[in-house]
Protein backbone atom coordinates (compact mmCIF):
# COMPACT_ATOMS: atom_id res chain seq x y z
CA MET A 1 -85.31 -13.76 163.29
CA PRO A 2 -81.86 -15.49 163.06
CA VAL A 3 -79.81 -15.00 159.90
CA PHE A 4 -79.69 -17.61 157.17
CA ASP A 5 -82.94 -18.99 158.36
CA LEU A 6 -84.60 -21.52 156.02
CA SER A 7 -87.55 -22.37 158.21
CA GLY A 8 -90.59 -23.36 156.06
CA LYS A 9 -88.51 -23.42 152.84
CA THR A 10 -88.66 -26.40 150.59
CA ALA A 11 -85.16 -27.31 149.18
CA VAL A 12 -84.08 -29.95 146.68
CA VAL A 13 -80.53 -31.07 146.52
CA THR A 14 -79.42 -33.33 143.71
CA GLY A 15 -76.68 -35.81 144.54
CA GLY A 16 -77.13 -35.15 148.27
CA GLY A 17 -76.04 -38.55 149.43
CA SER A 18 -72.37 -37.80 149.72
CA GLY A 19 -69.65 -35.23 149.46
CA ILE A 20 -70.58 -31.57 148.99
CA GLY A 21 -74.26 -32.44 148.33
CA LYS A 22 -74.53 -34.28 151.60
CA SER A 23 -73.13 -31.19 153.56
CA ILE A 24 -75.44 -28.91 151.76
CA ALA A 25 -78.46 -31.04 152.60
CA GLN A 26 -77.33 -31.28 156.29
CA VAL A 27 -76.73 -27.50 156.66
CA PHE A 28 -80.01 -26.62 155.03
CA ALA A 29 -81.85 -29.03 157.33
CA GLN A 30 -80.07 -27.57 160.33
CA GLN A 31 -81.44 -24.16 159.19
CA GLY A 32 -85.03 -25.34 159.13
CA ALA A 33 -85.56 -26.41 155.43
CA ASN A 34 -87.69 -29.28 154.35
CA VAL A 35 -84.83 -31.05 152.41
CA HIS A 36 -85.45 -33.42 149.50
CA ILE A 37 -82.51 -35.37 148.10
CA LEU A 38 -82.55 -36.69 144.57
CA GLU A 39 -79.90 -39.42 144.50
CA ILE A 40 -79.10 -42.27 142.20
CA ASP A 41 -77.18 -44.17 144.91
CA GLN A 42 -80.06 -45.21 147.25
CA ALA A 43 -77.73 -46.39 150.04
CA SER A 44 -75.82 -43.08 150.35
CA GLY A 45 -79.10 -41.16 150.11
CA GLN A 46 -80.65 -43.18 152.95
CA SER A 47 -77.45 -42.65 155.08
CA THR A 48 -77.71 -38.94 154.66
CA LEU A 49 -81.47 -39.08 155.45
CA ASN A 50 -80.74 -41.02 158.66
CA GLU A 51 -78.05 -38.53 159.81
CA ILE A 52 -80.30 -35.56 159.23
CA THR A 53 -83.40 -37.03 160.95
CA GLU A 54 -81.29 -38.21 163.90
CA SER A 55 -80.18 -34.56 164.31
CA GLY A 56 -83.78 -33.39 164.24
CA GLY A 57 -83.98 -32.21 160.70
CA THR A 58 -86.55 -32.93 158.00
CA CYS A 59 -85.51 -34.87 154.93
CA LEU A 60 -86.80 -37.22 152.23
CA VAL A 61 -84.81 -39.11 149.64
CA HIS A 62 -86.01 -39.78 146.15
CA PRO A 63 -84.12 -42.38 144.09
CA SER A 64 -83.72 -40.72 140.75
CA ASP A 65 -81.60 -40.28 137.59
CA ILE A 66 -81.26 -36.63 136.92
CA SER A 67 -80.59 -37.25 133.30
CA GLN A 68 -84.23 -38.41 132.73
CA GLN A 69 -86.37 -35.38 132.28
CA ALA A 70 -89.80 -37.06 132.91
CA GLU A 71 -88.47 -38.44 136.11
CA VAL A 72 -87.17 -35.07 137.38
CA ASN A 73 -90.32 -33.26 136.40
CA SER A 74 -92.54 -35.80 138.20
CA LEU A 75 -90.46 -35.53 141.35
CA ALA A 76 -90.47 -31.76 141.34
CA GLU A 77 -94.23 -31.65 140.90
CA LYS A 78 -94.68 -34.22 143.69
CA ILE A 79 -92.53 -32.19 146.11
CA PHE A 80 -94.41 -28.99 145.11
CA GLU A 81 -97.69 -30.55 145.82
CA GLN A 82 -96.58 -31.90 149.07
CA HIS A 83 -95.45 -28.57 150.55
CA GLY A 84 -97.26 -26.04 148.38
CA SER A 85 -93.93 -24.38 147.28
CA LEU A 86 -90.59 -25.11 145.85
CA ASP A 87 -88.20 -22.48 147.10
CA ILE A 88 -84.64 -23.78 146.57
CA TRP A 89 -83.15 -26.10 143.98
CA VAL A 90 -79.46 -27.01 144.18
CA ASN A 91 -78.01 -28.80 141.08
CA ASN A 92 -74.98 -30.54 142.84
CA ALA A 93 -74.87 -34.02 141.32
CA GLY A 94 -71.78 -34.55 139.35
CA ILE A 95 -69.24 -37.07 138.10
CA ALA A 96 -65.47 -36.89 137.34
CA HIS A 97 -63.50 -37.49 134.18
CA ILE A 98 -59.81 -37.28 133.41
CA GLY A 99 -58.59 -36.90 129.82
CA ASN A 100 -57.63 -34.52 127.07
CA VAL A 101 -59.42 -34.13 123.71
CA GLU A 102 -57.53 -37.13 122.26
CA THR A 103 -58.10 -39.59 125.09
CA THR A 104 -61.71 -38.49 125.71
CA THR A 105 -63.98 -40.98 123.98
CA GLU A 106 -67.39 -40.22 122.54
CA GLU A 107 -68.89 -42.35 125.34
CA ASP A 108 -67.01 -40.28 127.92
CA LEU A 109 -68.31 -37.05 126.51
CA ASP A 110 -71.88 -38.35 126.39
CA ARG A 111 -71.74 -39.56 130.04
CA ILE A 112 -70.53 -36.13 131.25
CA TYR A 113 -73.06 -34.39 129.20
CA GLN A 114 -75.98 -36.46 130.54
CA VAL A 115 -75.15 -35.55 134.16
CA HIS A 116 -73.50 -32.08 134.17
CA ILE A 117 -75.39 -30.36 131.27
CA LYS A 118 -78.61 -32.25 130.75
CA GLY A 119 -79.00 -32.98 134.43
CA VAL A 120 -78.65 -29.34 135.32
CA TYR A 121 -80.97 -28.31 132.52
CA ASN A 122 -83.48 -30.90 133.65
CA GLY A 123 -83.38 -29.55 137.29
CA MET A 124 -83.95 -25.87 136.16
CA HIS A 125 -86.57 -26.94 133.51
CA ALA A 126 -88.51 -28.69 136.30
CA CYS A 127 -88.21 -26.09 139.08
CA VAL A 128 -88.55 -22.81 137.23
CA PRO A 129 -92.28 -23.15 136.35
CA LEU A 130 -93.04 -24.25 139.99
CA MET A 131 -90.99 -21.41 141.45
CA LYS A 132 -92.92 -18.97 139.29
CA LYS A 133 -96.24 -20.32 140.87
CA ASN A 134 -95.02 -19.55 144.40
CA GLY A 135 -93.71 -16.06 143.55
CA GLY A 136 -90.05 -16.72 143.13
CA GLY A 137 -87.22 -19.00 144.37
CA VAL A 138 -83.39 -19.65 144.31
CA ILE A 139 -81.42 -21.87 141.99
CA LEU A 140 -77.80 -22.82 142.85
CA ASN A 141 -75.62 -24.70 140.42
CA LEU A 142 -72.31 -26.35 141.32
CA ALA A 143 -69.85 -25.20 138.70
CA SER A 144 -66.16 -25.45 139.17
CA VAL A 145 -62.84 -23.56 138.82
CA ALA A 146 -62.64 -25.46 135.51
CA SER A 147 -65.54 -23.35 134.35
CA VAL A 148 -63.39 -20.33 133.90
CA LEU A 149 -59.80 -21.47 133.41
CA GLY A 150 -57.85 -24.28 131.67
CA ILE A 151 -56.91 -27.36 133.75
CA SER A 152 -54.81 -30.13 132.32
CA ASP A 153 -56.58 -33.36 131.32
CA ARG A 154 -60.13 -32.08 132.08
CA PHE A 155 -61.47 -31.60 128.54
CA ALA A 156 -64.90 -33.03 128.95
CA TYR A 157 -65.21 -32.00 132.60
CA SER A 158 -64.29 -28.41 131.89
CA ALA A 159 -66.53 -28.18 128.86
CA SER A 160 -69.52 -29.29 130.91
CA LYS A 161 -68.70 -27.12 133.89
CA GLY A 162 -68.36 -24.11 131.46
CA ALA A 163 -71.82 -24.94 130.37
CA VAL A 164 -73.11 -24.86 133.91
CA PHE A 165 -71.63 -21.33 134.39
CA THR A 166 -73.27 -19.96 131.14
CA MET A 167 -76.66 -21.66 131.85
CA THR A 168 -76.67 -19.99 135.19
CA LEU A 169 -76.23 -16.55 133.58
CA SER A 170 -79.04 -17.26 131.08
CA VAL A 171 -81.49 -18.36 133.70
CA ALA A 172 -80.62 -15.50 135.97
CA ARG A 173 -81.31 -12.94 133.19
CA ASP A 174 -84.45 -14.63 131.88
CA TYR A 175 -86.24 -14.78 135.21
CA LEU A 176 -85.44 -11.54 136.88
CA ALA A 177 -89.03 -10.37 136.75
CA ASP A 178 -90.22 -13.70 138.27
CA ASN A 179 -88.13 -13.17 141.41
CA ILE A 180 -86.03 -16.24 140.67
CA ARG A 181 -82.40 -15.83 141.52
CA CYS A 182 -79.74 -18.10 139.95
CA ASN A 183 -76.14 -18.33 140.91
CA CYS A 184 -73.28 -20.83 140.83
CA ILE A 185 -70.41 -21.86 143.00
CA GLY A 186 -66.96 -22.74 141.59
CA PRO A 187 -65.15 -25.03 144.12
CA GLY A 188 -61.46 -25.90 143.85
CA ARG A 189 -60.34 -29.31 145.19
CA VAL A 190 -62.53 -30.40 148.08
CA HIS A 191 -61.75 -33.35 150.18
CA THR A 192 -64.64 -35.78 149.71
CA PRO A 193 -64.91 -39.61 149.71
CA PHE A 194 -64.48 -39.43 145.96
CA VAL A 195 -60.92 -38.01 146.41
CA ASP A 196 -60.04 -40.86 148.70
CA GLY A 197 -61.48 -43.45 146.33
CA PHE A 198 -59.52 -41.87 143.37
CA LEU A 199 -56.24 -42.04 145.25
CA LYS A 200 -56.78 -45.55 146.41
CA LYS A 201 -57.62 -46.68 142.93
CA ASN A 202 -54.81 -44.79 141.08
CA TYR A 203 -52.05 -44.48 143.61
CA PRO A 204 -52.16 -47.64 145.82
CA GLY A 205 -49.59 -47.29 148.58
CA GLN A 206 -49.00 -43.64 147.71
CA GLU A 207 -52.36 -42.16 148.99
CA GLN A 208 -50.94 -39.88 151.59
CA GLU A 209 -48.15 -38.62 149.42
CA MET A 210 -50.53 -37.84 146.45
CA PHE A 211 -53.06 -36.31 148.88
CA GLU A 212 -50.47 -33.82 150.09
CA LYS A 213 -49.37 -33.02 146.44
CA LEU A 214 -53.03 -32.40 145.34
CA SER A 215 -53.63 -30.30 148.53
CA GLN A 216 -50.72 -28.08 147.74
CA THR A 217 -52.09 -27.16 144.29
CA GLN A 218 -54.43 -24.78 146.31
CA PRO A 219 -52.44 -21.70 147.20
CA ILE A 220 -53.97 -21.94 150.76
CA GLY A 221 -52.14 -25.20 151.13
CA ARG A 222 -55.03 -27.60 151.66
CA MET A 223 -58.20 -28.91 150.08
CA GLY A 224 -61.54 -27.46 150.89
CA LYS A 225 -64.06 -29.06 153.28
CA PRO A 226 -67.56 -30.02 152.09
CA GLU A 227 -69.03 -27.95 154.95
CA GLU A 228 -67.20 -24.85 153.74
CA ILE A 229 -68.96 -25.18 150.36
CA ALA A 230 -72.23 -25.81 152.17
CA TYR A 231 -72.02 -22.58 154.16
CA LEU A 232 -71.57 -20.58 151.00
CA ALA A 233 -74.53 -22.40 149.46
CA LEU A 234 -76.56 -21.50 152.53
CA TYR A 235 -75.83 -17.82 152.21
CA LEU A 236 -76.65 -17.79 148.42
CA CYS A 237 -79.89 -19.60 149.08
CA SER A 238 -80.99 -17.38 151.95
CA SER A 239 -82.93 -14.19 151.94
CA GLU A 240 -79.73 -12.43 153.12
CA ALA A 241 -78.47 -12.91 149.52
CA GLY A 242 -81.53 -11.31 147.93
CA PHE A 243 -79.43 -8.88 146.05
CA VAL A 244 -77.23 -11.60 144.49
CA THR A 245 -78.03 -13.19 141.10
CA GLY A 246 -76.16 -14.06 137.96
CA SER A 247 -72.94 -14.54 139.90
CA PHE A 248 -70.02 -17.03 139.93
CA TYR A 249 -68.55 -17.55 143.36
CA PRO A 250 -65.12 -19.19 143.46
CA ILE A 251 -64.36 -21.07 146.63
CA ASP A 252 -61.03 -22.42 145.82
CA GLY A 253 -58.27 -21.53 148.37
CA GLY A 254 -57.03 -18.87 146.01
CA PHE A 255 -56.68 -21.23 143.01
CA ILE A 256 -58.12 -18.90 140.33
CA THR A 257 -56.75 -15.53 141.41
CA LEU A 258 -53.35 -16.47 142.92
CA ASN A 259 -52.46 -18.92 140.13
CA SER A 260 -53.22 -16.66 137.28
């Protein structure tokens, strides 16, 4: 049997329409998983589906708002009924925010909470009972380097990603006896379409200069690639990582350890 084989596994990836989530969905499909994408942006979700199916993979997209618990529960149950199992759940969907405690509004904080905290909670709340039915499973949460160290002007974002980290530890502890593993990944800066859009909006005419400046904040001298995060996700969600649970995996070009 080839390593990192996901054949026959049912995998859900939230926010799988673009960026890191898209790469995770593509890599999982390449490894044989039946991939289900939960995506609020229907156009990007459909684009990812098309790319996966054209490459011979299996994928379905479900338009969804992960902050709505009833919606997430219903989709999880539907996916479970379709395949008879729910093996992998990746809480990837996320949004950005820049600001310190003074400039962060109540509305900003609530918006971040709805996606990064409630959305992750909703995903785990939905999948854990179903994973228990099929004798176990794997949950992977996308945390951040901001989960474990201070980054300027990331008050709400850091608070939410800190919560992702500690929710991961709690679920890993609570479901050891149910054969449910729960881990999280802490990416540094990753070059996604969001980065390009951010630079275009905030630094018109200086995009390349600012891109290089942001890249150099990683000690390795560049941003990460979405597929590099996806390959770590593949390992953690595969049977080869059967001894790994309750862990935080930085993947950050040395940002945490070499900048501290």
